[in-house]
C-alpha cells in the first residue's frame, strides 16, 4: 500500500524532471554556430540591459548592469530560419539596404527571476554582416517588448 502523500510527491517530481529535461538537452547546432559565442550591446539601451552576452549550445548568459541583473539561463531553440525580413521588426528596420536577408534564431528562455519576464530572445543576423544581430525580446504573452542590436566584440 502506498501513502497518498508519497504518490503525489512522485508525480510532482516527475513533472519537475520533465520540465527540467526540456531545457537540459542541448539543441542540435550543426551549422547554427553563427549565433554561438560572445556578443555585446551595440546601442545604449541594449548595453544597459545585457552588457556582454554569451550564447552556448546549452545556455545564454548576460552580464547585466547596476540596474539590470546578470543572468545565466537555459534555453530551447524554437526557430532557426533564413528570411528576407525578420519577424516583429520595427518599421524601417526589417530590411537593411544591400542585405539579402537574415538568419533568424528564436530562443525560448527557461523561467527564472533574473529574466525579468523575458520568455524569448530573437536574434536576426544579417547574411551580409554576421558580426551584427538585431535583437527582439518577448514577454510572457509572446509579445515583442524591446528592440536593440548586438555586435561581436571582435568584429568577426
N, C-alpha and C. Protein backbone atom coordinates (compact mmCIF):
# COMPACT_ATOMS: atom_id res chain seq x y z
N UNK A 1 0.84 -1.17 0.00
CA UNK A 1 0.00 0.00 0.00
C UNK A 1 0.89 1.24 0.00
N UNK A 2 0.55 2.22 -0.84
CA UNK A 2 1.34 3.45 -0.89
C UNK A 2 0.61 4.55 -0.15
N UNK A 3 1.37 5.45 0.37
CA UNK A 3 0.77 6.60 1.05
C UNK A 3 0.40 7.64 0.00
N UNK A 4 -0.76 8.29 0.13
CA UNK A 4 -1.19 9.29 -0.85
C UNK A 4 -0.18 10.43 -1.01
N UNK A 5 0.42 10.84 0.08
CA UNK A 5 1.40 11.93 0.00
C UNK A 5 2.62 11.54 -0.80
N UNK A 6 3.05 10.27 -0.67
CA UNK A 6 4.21 9.80 -1.39
C UNK A 6 3.94 9.78 -2.89
N UNK A 7 2.75 9.28 -3.27
CA UNK A 7 2.40 9.22 -4.69
C UNK A 7 2.32 10.63 -5.28
N UNK A 8 1.74 11.57 -4.56
CA UNK A 8 1.65 12.94 -5.05
C UNK A 8 3.05 13.53 -5.23
N UNK A 9 3.95 13.22 -4.28
CA UNK A 9 5.32 13.72 -4.39
C UNK A 9 6.03 13.15 -5.60
N UNK A 10 5.80 11.86 -5.89
CA UNK A 10 6.42 11.24 -7.07
C UNK A 10 5.90 11.89 -8.34
N UNK A 11 4.59 12.12 -8.41
CA UNK A 11 4.01 12.76 -9.61
C UNK A 11 4.57 14.16 -9.78
N UNK A 12 4.61 14.91 -8.69
CA UNK A 12 5.15 16.28 -8.76
C UNK A 12 6.60 16.24 -9.20
N UNK A 13 7.37 15.32 -8.66
CA UNK A 13 8.77 15.18 -9.02
C UNK A 13 8.94 14.82 -10.48
N UNK A 14 8.04 13.97 -11.01
CA UNK A 14 8.10 13.61 -12.43
C UNK A 14 7.89 14.82 -13.31
N UNK A 15 6.95 15.68 -12.94
CA UNK A 15 6.71 16.89 -13.73
C UNK A 15 7.91 17.81 -13.68
N UNK A 16 8.53 17.90 -12.51
CA UNK A 16 9.73 18.73 -12.39
C UNK A 16 10.84 18.20 -13.27
N UNK A 17 11.02 16.88 -13.28
CA UNK A 17 12.06 16.29 -14.13
C UNK A 17 11.75 16.52 -15.60
N UNK A 18 10.48 16.38 -15.98
CA UNK A 18 10.10 16.61 -17.38
C UNK A 18 10.37 18.06 -17.76
N UNK A 19 9.99 19.00 -16.88
CA UNK A 19 10.24 20.41 -17.17
C UNK A 19 11.71 20.71 -17.29
N UNK A 20 12.52 20.12 -16.42
CA UNK A 20 13.97 20.33 -16.48
C UNK A 20 14.55 19.72 -17.75
N UNK A 21 14.02 18.57 -18.18
CA UNK A 21 14.54 17.91 -19.38
C UNK A 21 14.33 18.76 -20.63
N UNK A 22 13.29 19.56 -20.64
CA UNK A 22 13.06 20.42 -21.79
C UNK A 22 14.19 21.41 -22.01
N UNK A 23 14.86 21.80 -20.94
CA UNK A 23 15.94 22.78 -21.04
C UNK A 23 17.32 22.18 -20.87
N UNK A 24 17.43 20.92 -20.48
CA UNK A 24 18.74 20.32 -20.26
C UNK A 24 19.37 19.86 -21.56
N UNK A 25 18.59 19.25 -22.45
CA UNK A 25 19.14 18.71 -23.68
C UNK A 25 19.59 19.85 -24.58
N UNK A 26 20.87 19.92 -24.93
CA UNK A 26 21.33 21.00 -25.81
C UNK A 26 20.76 20.81 -27.21
N UNK A 27 20.49 21.90 -27.91
CA UNK A 27 19.95 21.79 -29.25
C UNK A 27 20.97 21.21 -30.21
N UNK A 28 20.50 20.64 -31.30
CA UNK A 28 21.39 20.15 -32.36
C UNK A 28 21.81 21.37 -33.16
N UNK A 29 23.08 21.77 -33.05
CA UNK A 29 23.51 23.02 -33.66
C UNK A 29 23.94 22.89 -35.10
N UNK A 30 24.72 21.91 -35.45
CA UNK A 30 25.16 21.79 -36.83
C UNK A 30 25.77 23.08 -37.34
N UNK A 31 25.18 23.66 -38.38
CA UNK A 31 25.69 24.89 -38.99
C UNK A 31 25.22 26.15 -38.27
N UNK A 32 24.54 26.02 -37.17
CA UNK A 32 23.99 27.17 -36.48
C UNK A 32 24.99 27.86 -35.56
N UNK A 33 26.27 27.56 -35.73
CA UNK A 33 27.31 28.17 -34.91
C UNK A 33 27.38 29.68 -35.13
N UNK A 34 26.68 30.19 -36.13
CA UNK A 34 26.62 31.62 -36.41
C UNK A 34 26.19 32.41 -35.17
N UNK A 35 25.33 31.83 -34.35
CA UNK A 35 24.82 32.52 -33.16
C UNK A 35 25.72 32.35 -31.95
N UNK A 36 26.41 31.23 -31.86
CA UNK A 36 27.19 30.91 -30.67
C UNK A 36 28.35 31.88 -30.45
N UNK A 37 28.66 32.13 -29.19
CA UNK A 37 29.80 32.96 -28.85
C UNK A 37 29.41 34.24 -28.15
N UNK A 38 30.35 35.16 -28.10
CA UNK A 38 30.18 36.42 -27.36
C UNK A 38 29.56 37.51 -28.23
N UNK A 39 28.68 38.29 -27.61
CA UNK A 39 28.05 39.46 -28.22
C UNK A 39 28.10 40.57 -27.18
N UNK A 40 27.98 41.81 -27.62
CA UNK A 40 27.85 42.92 -26.68
C UNK A 40 26.82 43.90 -27.21
N UNK A 41 26.19 44.62 -26.27
CA UNK A 41 25.18 45.59 -26.65
C UNK A 41 25.74 46.60 -27.63
N UNK A 42 25.06 46.79 -28.75
CA UNK A 42 25.53 47.70 -29.78
C UNK A 42 24.92 49.08 -29.70
N UNK A 43 23.96 49.25 -28.82
CA UNK A 43 23.36 50.56 -28.60
C UNK A 43 23.23 50.76 -27.09
N UNK A 44 22.96 51.97 -26.69
CA UNK A 44 22.97 52.32 -25.27
C UNK A 44 21.98 51.49 -24.44
N UNK A 45 20.76 51.33 -24.93
CA UNK A 45 19.75 50.57 -24.18
C UNK A 45 20.13 49.09 -24.06
N UNK A 46 20.61 48.50 -25.14
CA UNK A 46 20.99 47.09 -25.12
C UNK A 46 22.18 46.86 -24.21
N UNK A 47 23.13 47.78 -24.22
CA UNK A 47 24.28 47.69 -23.30
C UNK A 47 23.81 47.77 -21.85
N UNK A 48 22.83 48.65 -21.58
CA UNK A 48 22.34 48.83 -20.21
C UNK A 48 21.60 47.59 -19.70
N UNK A 49 20.93 46.88 -20.57
CA UNK A 49 20.17 45.70 -20.15
C UNK A 49 21.05 44.46 -20.12
N UNK A 50 21.78 44.21 -21.20
CA UNK A 50 22.52 42.95 -21.33
C UNK A 50 24.02 43.07 -21.10
N UNK A 51 24.62 44.20 -21.40
CA UNK A 51 26.08 44.31 -21.31
C UNK A 51 26.70 43.36 -22.31
N UNK A 52 27.48 42.41 -21.84
CA UNK A 52 28.04 41.35 -22.70
C UNK A 52 27.13 40.13 -22.60
N UNK A 53 26.90 39.50 -23.72
CA UNK A 53 26.02 38.34 -23.79
C UNK A 53 26.79 37.18 -24.39
N UNK A 54 26.61 35.99 -23.83
CA UNK A 54 27.29 34.80 -24.32
C UNK A 54 26.24 33.74 -24.63
N UNK A 55 26.31 33.18 -25.84
CA UNK A 55 25.39 32.10 -26.23
C UNK A 55 26.22 30.83 -26.41
N UNK A 56 25.86 29.78 -25.66
CA UNK A 56 26.50 28.48 -25.79
C UNK A 56 25.41 27.50 -26.28
N UNK A 57 25.76 26.27 -26.62
CA UNK A 57 24.72 25.32 -27.02
C UNK A 57 23.73 24.99 -25.91
N UNK A 58 24.04 25.27 -24.66
CA UNK A 58 23.16 24.90 -23.56
C UNK A 58 22.52 26.09 -22.82
N UNK A 59 23.16 27.26 -22.84
CA UNK A 59 22.62 28.38 -22.08
C UNK A 59 22.98 29.70 -22.74
N UNK A 60 22.26 30.74 -22.31
CA UNK A 60 22.60 32.11 -22.69
C UNK A 60 22.85 32.85 -21.37
N UNK A 61 23.84 33.72 -21.39
CA UNK A 61 24.25 34.43 -20.17
C UNK A 61 24.53 35.88 -20.54
N UNK A 62 24.08 36.80 -19.69
CA UNK A 62 24.43 38.20 -19.91
C UNK A 62 24.94 38.80 -18.61
N UNK A 63 25.81 39.82 -18.77
CA UNK A 63 26.48 40.41 -17.61
C UNK A 63 25.61 41.41 -16.89
N UNK A 64 24.65 42.03 -17.56
CA UNK A 64 23.77 42.99 -16.92
C UNK A 64 24.45 44.30 -16.61
N UNK A 65 23.85 45.05 -15.70
CA UNK A 65 24.38 46.36 -15.28
C UNK A 65 23.92 46.60 -13.85
N UNK A 66 24.18 47.79 -13.33
CA UNK A 66 23.74 48.09 -11.96
C UNK A 66 22.23 47.99 -11.82
N UNK A 67 21.49 48.41 -12.83
CA UNK A 67 20.03 48.41 -12.75
C UNK A 67 19.40 47.10 -13.22
N UNK A 68 20.12 46.30 -13.98
CA UNK A 68 19.58 45.04 -14.52
C UNK A 68 20.50 43.90 -14.12
N UNK A 69 19.93 42.86 -13.52
CA UNK A 69 20.78 41.78 -13.01
C UNK A 69 21.41 40.93 -14.11
N UNK A 70 22.56 40.38 -13.78
CA UNK A 70 23.18 39.40 -14.65
C UNK A 70 22.31 38.14 -14.63
N UNK A 71 22.42 37.32 -15.66
CA UNK A 71 21.58 36.13 -15.73
C UNK A 71 22.28 35.04 -16.52
N UNK A 72 22.06 33.81 -16.11
CA UNK A 72 22.51 32.63 -16.85
C UNK A 72 21.31 31.72 -16.89
N UNK A 73 20.84 31.42 -18.10
CA UNK A 73 19.58 30.68 -18.23
C UNK A 73 19.66 29.69 -19.39
N UNK A 74 19.08 28.52 -19.18
CA UNK A 74 18.99 27.53 -20.25
C UNK A 74 17.92 28.00 -21.24
N UNK A 75 17.99 27.47 -22.44
CA UNK A 75 17.01 27.84 -23.46
C UNK A 75 16.74 26.66 -24.37
N UNK A 76 15.70 26.83 -25.18
CA UNK A 76 15.35 25.89 -26.24
C UNK A 76 15.36 26.66 -27.55
N UNK A 77 15.99 26.12 -28.57
CA UNK A 77 15.97 26.75 -29.90
C UNK A 77 14.62 26.41 -30.52
N UNK A 78 13.75 27.41 -30.70
CA UNK A 78 12.42 27.15 -31.24
C UNK A 78 12.29 27.55 -32.70
N UNK A 79 13.15 28.44 -33.17
CA UNK A 79 13.12 28.85 -34.57
C UNK A 79 14.53 29.05 -35.06
N UNK A 80 14.77 28.53 -36.24
CA UNK A 80 16.01 28.79 -36.97
C UNK A 80 15.62 28.80 -38.43
N UNK A 81 15.71 29.97 -39.07
CA UNK A 81 15.29 30.06 -40.47
C UNK A 81 16.03 31.18 -41.17
N UNK A 82 16.05 31.06 -42.49
CA UNK A 82 16.57 32.12 -43.35
C UNK A 82 15.35 32.93 -43.80
N UNK A 83 15.46 34.25 -43.80
CA UNK A 83 14.34 35.09 -44.17
C UNK A 83 14.83 36.40 -44.79
N UNK A 84 14.02 36.96 -45.68
CA UNK A 84 14.35 38.26 -46.27
C UNK A 84 14.19 39.38 -45.24
N UNK A 85 13.21 39.22 -44.35
CA UNK A 85 12.98 40.16 -43.26
C UNK A 85 12.77 39.32 -42.01
N UNK A 86 12.86 39.92 -40.85
CA UNK A 86 12.67 39.14 -39.63
C UNK A 86 11.39 39.53 -38.91
N UNK A 87 10.77 38.57 -38.21
CA UNK A 87 9.50 38.84 -37.52
C UNK A 87 9.63 39.91 -36.45
N UNK A 88 8.59 40.71 -36.33
CA UNK A 88 8.45 41.72 -35.28
C UNK A 88 9.49 42.83 -35.32
N UNK A 89 10.06 43.07 -36.49
CA UNK A 89 11.00 44.19 -36.64
C UNK A 89 10.24 45.50 -36.55
N UNK A 90 10.90 46.52 -36.04
CA UNK A 90 10.31 47.85 -36.06
C UNK A 90 10.21 48.31 -37.51
N UNK A 91 9.18 49.05 -37.86
CA UNK A 91 9.06 49.53 -39.25
C UNK A 91 10.31 50.28 -39.67
N UNK A 92 10.82 49.94 -40.85
CA UNK A 92 12.01 50.58 -41.37
C UNK A 92 13.30 49.88 -40.96
N UNK A 93 13.23 48.96 -40.02
CA UNK A 93 14.43 48.25 -39.58
C UNK A 93 14.45 46.79 -40.02
N UNK A 94 13.41 46.37 -40.72
CA UNK A 94 13.30 44.95 -41.07
C UNK A 94 14.11 44.55 -42.30
N UNK A 95 14.56 45.49 -43.08
CA UNK A 95 15.37 45.16 -44.25
C UNK A 95 16.45 46.23 -44.42
N UNK A 96 17.69 45.84 -44.28
CA UNK A 96 18.80 46.77 -44.43
C UNK A 96 19.19 46.88 -45.90
N UNK A 97 19.58 48.05 -46.33
CA UNK A 97 19.99 48.27 -47.71
C UNK A 97 21.19 47.39 -48.06
N UNK A 98 21.08 46.69 -49.15
CA UNK A 98 22.18 45.85 -49.62
C UNK A 98 22.31 44.53 -48.89
N UNK A 99 21.41 44.24 -47.98
CA UNK A 99 21.46 42.98 -47.24
C UNK A 99 20.40 42.04 -47.82
N UNK A 100 20.82 40.88 -48.33
CA UNK A 100 19.86 39.98 -48.96
C UNK A 100 18.92 39.29 -47.99
N UNK A 101 19.23 39.25 -46.71
CA UNK A 101 18.33 38.59 -45.77
C UNK A 101 18.99 38.34 -44.44
N UNK A 102 18.31 37.55 -43.64
CA UNK A 102 18.72 37.29 -42.26
C UNK A 102 18.69 35.80 -41.96
N UNK A 103 19.50 35.40 -41.01
CA UNK A 103 19.35 34.11 -40.37
C UNK A 103 18.73 34.44 -39.01
N UNK A 104 17.55 33.88 -38.75
CA UNK A 104 16.79 34.22 -37.55
C UNK A 104 16.79 33.04 -36.58
N UNK A 105 17.14 33.33 -35.33
CA UNK A 105 17.13 32.35 -34.26
C UNK A 105 16.20 32.87 -33.17
N UNK A 106 15.26 32.06 -32.72
CA UNK A 106 14.46 32.44 -31.56
C UNK A 106 14.70 31.42 -30.46
N UNK A 107 15.08 31.93 -29.28
CA UNK A 107 15.39 31.10 -28.13
C UNK A 107 14.32 31.28 -27.07
N UNK A 108 13.65 30.19 -26.67
CA UNK A 108 12.69 30.23 -25.56
C UNK A 108 13.49 30.05 -24.27
N UNK A 109 13.37 31.01 -23.38
CA UNK A 109 14.17 31.00 -22.15
C UNK A 109 13.49 30.24 -21.03
N UNK A 110 14.29 29.55 -20.24
CA UNK A 110 13.82 28.90 -19.04
C UNK A 110 13.31 30.00 -18.10
N UNK A 111 12.24 29.74 -17.38
CA UNK A 111 11.68 30.74 -16.49
C UNK A 111 12.57 30.88 -15.25
N UNK A 112 13.11 32.08 -15.07
CA UNK A 112 13.95 32.39 -13.90
C UNK A 112 13.69 33.84 -13.52
N UNK A 113 13.90 34.17 -12.27
CA UNK A 113 13.67 35.54 -11.80
C UNK A 113 14.55 36.54 -12.54
N UNK A 114 15.79 36.16 -12.85
CA UNK A 114 16.72 37.10 -13.47
C UNK A 114 16.34 37.47 -14.90
N UNK A 115 15.41 36.73 -15.53
CA UNK A 115 15.00 37.10 -16.89
C UNK A 115 14.01 38.26 -16.88
N UNK A 116 13.48 38.57 -15.70
CA UNK A 116 12.55 39.70 -15.53
C UNK A 116 11.39 39.67 -16.52
N UNK A 117 10.78 38.51 -16.67
CA UNK A 117 9.60 38.39 -17.52
C UNK A 117 9.90 38.13 -18.98
N UNK A 118 11.16 38.14 -19.36
CA UNK A 118 11.50 37.80 -20.75
C UNK A 118 11.30 36.30 -20.93
N UNK A 119 10.61 35.91 -21.99
CA UNK A 119 10.42 34.48 -22.25
C UNK A 119 11.15 34.03 -23.50
N UNK A 120 11.54 34.96 -24.34
CA UNK A 120 12.24 34.58 -25.57
C UNK A 120 13.12 35.73 -26.05
N UNK A 121 14.21 35.36 -26.70
CA UNK A 121 15.09 36.30 -27.38
C UNK A 121 15.16 35.89 -28.83
N UNK A 122 15.02 36.85 -29.73
CA UNK A 122 15.15 36.58 -31.16
C UNK A 122 16.36 37.34 -31.69
N UNK A 123 17.25 36.61 -32.33
CA UNK A 123 18.44 37.18 -32.96
C UNK A 123 18.24 37.10 -34.47
N UNK A 124 18.30 38.23 -35.15
CA UNK A 124 18.24 38.26 -36.61
C UNK A 124 19.61 38.73 -37.10
N UNK A 125 20.36 37.80 -37.67
CA UNK A 125 21.74 38.10 -38.07
C UNK A 125 21.77 38.32 -39.58
N UNK A 126 22.15 39.52 -40.03
CA UNK A 126 22.20 39.78 -41.47
C UNK A 126 23.20 38.85 -42.16
N UNK A 127 22.78 38.27 -43.26
CA UNK A 127 23.65 37.35 -44.00
C UNK A 127 24.93 38.07 -44.43
N UNK A 128 24.80 39.31 -44.85
CA UNK A 128 25.96 40.05 -45.35
C UNK A 128 26.82 40.67 -44.23
N UNK A 129 26.31 40.66 -43.00
CA UNK A 129 27.05 41.28 -41.90
C UNK A 129 26.89 40.43 -40.63
N UNK A 130 27.52 39.25 -40.58
CA UNK A 130 27.30 38.32 -39.46
C UNK A 130 27.88 38.76 -38.12
N UNK A 131 28.56 39.90 -38.08
CA UNK A 131 29.10 40.40 -36.81
C UNK A 131 28.08 41.27 -36.08
N UNK A 132 26.85 41.34 -36.60
CA UNK A 132 25.78 42.15 -36.00
C UNK A 132 24.53 41.29 -35.87
N UNK A 133 23.75 41.54 -34.84
CA UNK A 133 22.47 40.84 -34.67
C UNK A 133 21.42 41.83 -34.20
N UNK A 134 20.28 41.82 -34.85
CA UNK A 134 19.13 42.60 -34.40
C UNK A 134 18.45 41.76 -33.32
N UNK A 135 18.15 42.34 -32.18
CA UNK A 135 17.60 41.61 -31.05
C UNK A 135 16.18 42.06 -30.74
N UNK A 136 15.26 41.11 -30.65
CA UNK A 136 13.88 41.38 -30.23
C UNK A 136 13.64 40.53 -28.98
N UNK A 137 13.08 41.14 -27.94
CA UNK A 137 12.79 40.45 -26.69
C UNK A 137 11.27 40.29 -26.56
N UNK A 138 10.84 39.14 -26.03
CA UNK A 138 9.41 38.83 -25.90
C UNK A 138 9.02 38.64 -24.44
N UNK A 139 7.76 39.02 -24.13
CA UNK A 139 7.25 38.87 -22.76
C UNK A 139 6.52 37.54 -22.60
N UNK A 140 5.88 37.35 -21.45
CA UNK A 140 5.20 36.09 -21.14
C UNK A 140 4.05 35.77 -22.09
N UNK A 141 3.48 36.77 -22.70
CA UNK A 141 2.38 36.54 -23.65
C UNK A 141 2.88 36.37 -25.08
N UNK A 142 4.20 36.37 -25.25
CA UNK A 142 4.76 36.21 -26.59
C UNK A 142 4.76 37.48 -27.41
N UNK A 143 4.55 38.62 -26.76
CA UNK A 143 4.55 39.91 -27.46
C UNK A 143 5.94 40.51 -27.45
N UNK A 144 6.35 41.13 -28.57
CA UNK A 144 7.65 41.82 -28.57
C UNK A 144 7.58 43.04 -27.65
N UNK A 145 8.61 43.19 -26.81
CA UNK A 145 8.59 44.29 -25.84
C UNK A 145 9.83 45.18 -25.91
N UNK A 146 10.91 44.70 -26.55
CA UNK A 146 12.07 45.57 -26.69
C UNK A 146 12.87 45.18 -27.93
N UNK A 147 13.56 46.19 -28.46
CA UNK A 147 14.35 46.02 -29.68
C UNK A 147 15.72 46.63 -29.45
N UNK A 148 16.72 46.06 -30.05
CA UNK A 148 18.07 46.60 -29.94
C UNK A 148 18.97 45.84 -30.90
N UNK A 149 20.26 46.07 -30.78
CA UNK A 149 21.18 45.29 -31.61
C UNK A 149 22.43 44.95 -30.82
N UNK A 150 23.07 43.88 -31.26
CA UNK A 150 24.29 43.37 -30.65
C UNK A 150 25.38 43.33 -31.70
N UNK A 151 26.62 43.47 -31.25
CA UNK A 151 27.78 43.35 -32.13
C UNK A 151 28.74 42.33 -31.53
N UNK A 152 29.51 41.70 -32.39
CA UNK A 152 30.57 40.81 -31.92
C UNK A 152 31.69 41.68 -31.35
N UNK A 153 32.20 41.36 -30.17
CA UNK A 153 33.28 42.18 -29.60
C UNK A 153 34.54 42.19 -30.46
N UNK A 154 34.78 41.12 -31.18
CA UNK A 154 35.97 41.05 -32.02
C UNK A 154 35.70 41.43 -33.46
N UNK A 155 34.45 41.80 -33.77
CA UNK A 155 34.10 42.25 -35.12
C UNK A 155 34.06 41.17 -36.18
N UNK A 156 34.17 39.91 -35.80
CA UNK A 156 34.20 38.84 -36.81
C UNK A 156 32.85 38.57 -37.43
